[in-house]
N, C-alpha and C. Protein backbone atom coordinates (compact mmCIF):
# COMPACT_ATOMS: atom_id res chain seq x y z
N MET A 1 77.50 83.84 65.70
CA MET A 1 78.59 83.48 66.35
C MET A 1 79.00 84.59 67.17
N ARG A 2 78.48 85.72 67.19
CA ARG A 2 78.87 86.66 67.96
C ARG A 2 78.25 86.50 69.50
N GLY A 3 77.14 86.02 69.48
CA GLY A 3 76.32 85.75 70.39
C GLY A 3 76.98 84.48 71.46
N LEU A 4 77.66 83.80 70.59
CA LEU A 4 78.28 82.64 71.28
C LEU A 4 79.63 83.03 72.07
N GLU A 5 80.13 83.96 71.21
CA GLU A 5 81.40 84.55 71.96
C GLU A 5 81.20 85.49 73.38
N GLU A 6 80.09 86.27 73.16
CA GLU A 6 79.55 86.98 74.38
C GLU A 6 79.21 86.13 75.38
N ARG A 7 78.55 85.00 75.29
CA ARG A 7 78.13 84.20 76.27
C ARG A 7 79.19 83.35 76.65
N ALA A 8 80.32 82.87 75.98
CA ALA A 8 81.59 82.32 76.63
C ALA A 8 82.26 83.27 77.36
N ALA A 9 82.36 84.67 76.85
CA ALA A 9 82.85 85.57 77.71
C ALA A 9 82.39 85.90 79.16
N ARG A 10 80.76 85.71 79.12
CA ARG A 10 79.99 85.86 80.54
C ARG A 10 80.45 84.56 81.37
N ILE A 11 80.38 83.60 80.88
CA ILE A 11 80.70 82.41 81.66
C ILE A 11 81.96 82.23 82.21
N ALA A 12 83.21 82.73 81.36
CA ALA A 12 84.41 82.88 81.83
C ALA A 12 84.83 83.81 82.86
N LYS A 13 83.89 85.16 82.61
CA LYS A 13 83.84 86.20 84.01
C LYS A 13 83.17 85.53 85.12
N ALA A 14 82.27 84.91 85.21
CA ALA A 14 81.45 84.27 86.28
C ALA A 14 82.44 83.55 86.96
N ARG A 15 83.01 82.57 86.19
CA ARG A 15 83.97 81.48 86.61
C ARG A 15 85.09 82.24 87.29
N ARG A 16 85.73 83.19 86.76
CA ARG A 16 86.99 83.87 87.49
C ARG A 16 86.69 84.49 88.63
N GLU A 17 85.26 84.90 88.67
CA GLU A 17 84.89 85.77 90.17
C GLU A 17 84.56 84.71 91.19
N ARG A 18 83.99 83.63 90.82
CA ARG A 18 84.07 82.67 91.70
C ARG A 18 85.30 82.09 92.07
N VAL A 19 86.21 81.69 91.37
CA VAL A 19 87.67 81.39 91.85
C VAL A 19 88.43 82.18 92.57
N VAL A 20 88.04 83.77 92.25
CA VAL A 20 88.94 84.54 93.02
C VAL A 20 88.16 84.89 94.47
N ALA A 21 86.99 84.56 94.54
CA ALA A 21 86.15 84.70 95.81
C ALA A 21 86.76 83.36 96.59
N ARG A 22 86.66 82.41 96.10
CA ARG A 22 87.01 80.99 96.75
C ARG A 22 88.61 81.15 97.39
N LEU A 23 89.43 81.71 96.56
CA LEU A 23 90.62 81.76 96.62
C LEU A 23 91.08 83.09 97.94
N ALA A 24 90.37 83.93 98.07
CA ALA A 24 90.35 85.25 98.86
C ALA A 24 89.69 84.65 100.09
N SER A 25 88.72 83.71 100.09
CA SER A 25 88.18 83.20 101.50
C SER A 25 88.97 82.35 102.14
N ALA A 26 89.73 81.26 101.25
CA ALA A 26 90.85 80.40 101.62
C ALA A 26 92.00 81.10 102.35
N LEU A 27 92.39 82.24 101.76
CA LEU A 27 93.51 82.97 102.16
C LEU A 27 93.07 83.48 103.29
N GLU A 28 91.85 84.13 103.75
CA GLU A 28 91.52 84.75 105.04
C GLU A 28 91.52 84.04 106.33
N ALA A 29 91.62 82.36 105.94
CA ALA A 29 91.95 81.31 107.10
C ALA A 29 93.21 81.42 107.73
N VAL A 30 94.25 81.90 106.96
CA VAL A 30 95.57 81.88 107.10
C VAL A 30 95.70 83.01 108.34
N PRO A 31 96.14 82.66 109.32
CA PRO A 31 96.38 83.67 110.63
C PRO A 31 97.14 84.87 110.22
N GLY A 32 96.86 86.06 110.30
CA GLY A 32 97.87 87.19 110.12
C GLY A 32 97.91 87.50 108.87
N LEU A 33 96.90 87.18 107.97
CA LEU A 33 96.93 87.43 106.49
C LEU A 33 95.59 87.99 106.25
N ARG A 34 95.63 89.05 105.19
CA ARG A 34 94.52 89.42 104.86
C ARG A 34 94.42 89.63 103.15
N ALA A 35 93.25 89.18 102.71
CA ALA A 35 93.02 89.11 101.20
C ALA A 35 92.07 90.12 100.68
N GLU A 36 92.28 91.05 99.70
CA GLU A 36 91.65 91.93 99.18
C GLU A 36 91.18 91.38 97.77
N ILE A 37 90.17 91.44 97.31
CA ILE A 37 89.72 91.12 96.34
C ILE A 37 89.77 92.62 95.06
N VAL A 38 90.45 92.57 94.07
CA VAL A 38 90.98 93.72 93.12
C VAL A 38 90.35 93.43 91.85
N ALA A 39 90.52 94.29 90.96
CA ALA A 39 90.24 93.94 89.61
C ALA A 39 91.09 93.05 89.02
N ALA A 40 92.46 92.94 89.53
CA ALA A 40 93.47 91.97 88.81
C ALA A 40 93.41 90.65 89.59
N GLY A 41 92.68 90.67 90.47
CA GLY A 41 92.72 89.32 91.22
C GLY A 41 92.83 89.38 92.83
N VAL A 42 93.47 88.83 93.43
CA VAL A 42 93.57 88.99 95.00
C VAL A 42 94.86 89.54 95.41
N VAL A 43 94.75 90.29 96.40
CA VAL A 43 96.05 91.09 96.83
C VAL A 43 95.98 90.71 98.32
N LEU A 44 97.22 90.07 98.72
CA LEU A 44 97.57 89.87 99.90
C LEU A 44 98.30 90.74 100.84
N ILE A 45 97.71 90.98 102.07
CA ILE A 45 98.34 91.88 103.05
C ILE A 45 98.47 91.13 104.33
N GLY A 46 99.86 91.36 104.83
CA GLY A 46 100.14 90.97 106.13
C GLY A 46 101.59 91.02 106.43
N ARG A 47 102.10 90.89 107.42
CA ARG A 47 103.45 91.07 108.02
C ARG A 47 104.15 89.92 107.41
N GLY A 48 105.49 90.42 107.09
CA GLY A 48 106.45 88.96 106.57
C GLY A 48 106.16 88.20 105.55
N LEU A 49 105.20 88.58 104.64
CA LEU A 49 104.77 87.85 103.36
C LEU A 49 105.96 87.17 102.66
N ALA A 50 106.94 88.00 102.43
CA ALA A 50 108.00 87.37 101.42
C ALA A 50 108.56 86.21 102.35
N ARG A 51 108.92 86.27 103.71
CA ARG A 51 109.25 84.96 104.25
C ARG A 51 108.55 83.96 104.43
N ARG A 52 106.93 84.29 104.81
CA ARG A 52 106.29 83.42 104.93
C ARG A 52 105.95 82.42 103.56
N ALA A 53 105.96 83.37 102.52
CA ALA A 53 105.79 82.69 101.18
C ALA A 53 106.83 81.44 100.94
N LEU A 54 107.77 81.74 101.60
CA LEU A 54 108.99 80.46 101.57
C LEU A 54 108.63 79.38 102.43
N THR A 55 107.96 79.88 103.60
CA THR A 55 108.05 78.62 104.55
C THR A 55 106.44 78.02 104.76
N ASP A 56 105.37 78.86 104.30
CA ASP A 56 104.20 78.30 104.58
C ASP A 56 103.49 77.63 103.35
N PRO A 57 103.39 76.46 103.21
CA PRO A 57 102.71 75.91 102.16
C PRO A 57 101.53 76.30 101.88
N ARG A 58 100.77 77.00 102.48
CA ARG A 58 99.46 77.30 101.92
C ARG A 58 100.02 78.43 100.95
N LEU A 59 100.81 79.52 101.54
CA LEU A 59 101.25 80.59 100.39
C LEU A 59 102.12 79.96 99.23
N ARG A 60 102.91 78.75 99.23
CA ARG A 60 103.83 78.53 98.32
C ARG A 60 103.05 77.63 97.17
N TRP A 61 102.01 77.06 97.63
CA TRP A 61 100.99 76.39 96.75
C TRP A 61 99.76 77.04 96.59
N ILE A 62 99.64 78.32 96.33
CA ILE A 62 97.98 79.03 96.52
C ILE A 62 97.03 78.40 95.50
N ALA A 63 97.65 77.93 94.26
CA ALA A 63 96.69 77.10 93.45
C ALA A 63 96.04 76.02 93.86
N GLY A 64 96.45 75.47 94.82
CA GLY A 64 96.16 74.09 95.36
C GLY A 64 95.08 74.49 96.15
N LEU A 65 94.57 75.79 96.75
CA LEU A 65 93.44 76.36 97.63
C LEU A 65 92.20 76.61 96.65
N VAL A 66 92.29 76.62 95.54
CA VAL A 66 90.99 76.74 94.41
C VAL A 66 90.55 75.50 93.84
N ARG A 67 91.32 74.53 94.07
CA ARG A 67 90.84 73.02 93.35
C ARG A 67 89.40 72.88 93.88
């Protein structure tokens, strides 16, 4: 059973890394925004992020970028 758990953990980690990379890539396409991959996920860097998060649909619905 332990081998199955380890395999599941490896599969989940690989999936997470693919999703994080895809999200960072999609967010890099937003002008004036930089995305950095860190241990916790993706960090967004750019001017006026709080305002843009309210007005830019790409930032309001980030989960839609990784489908």
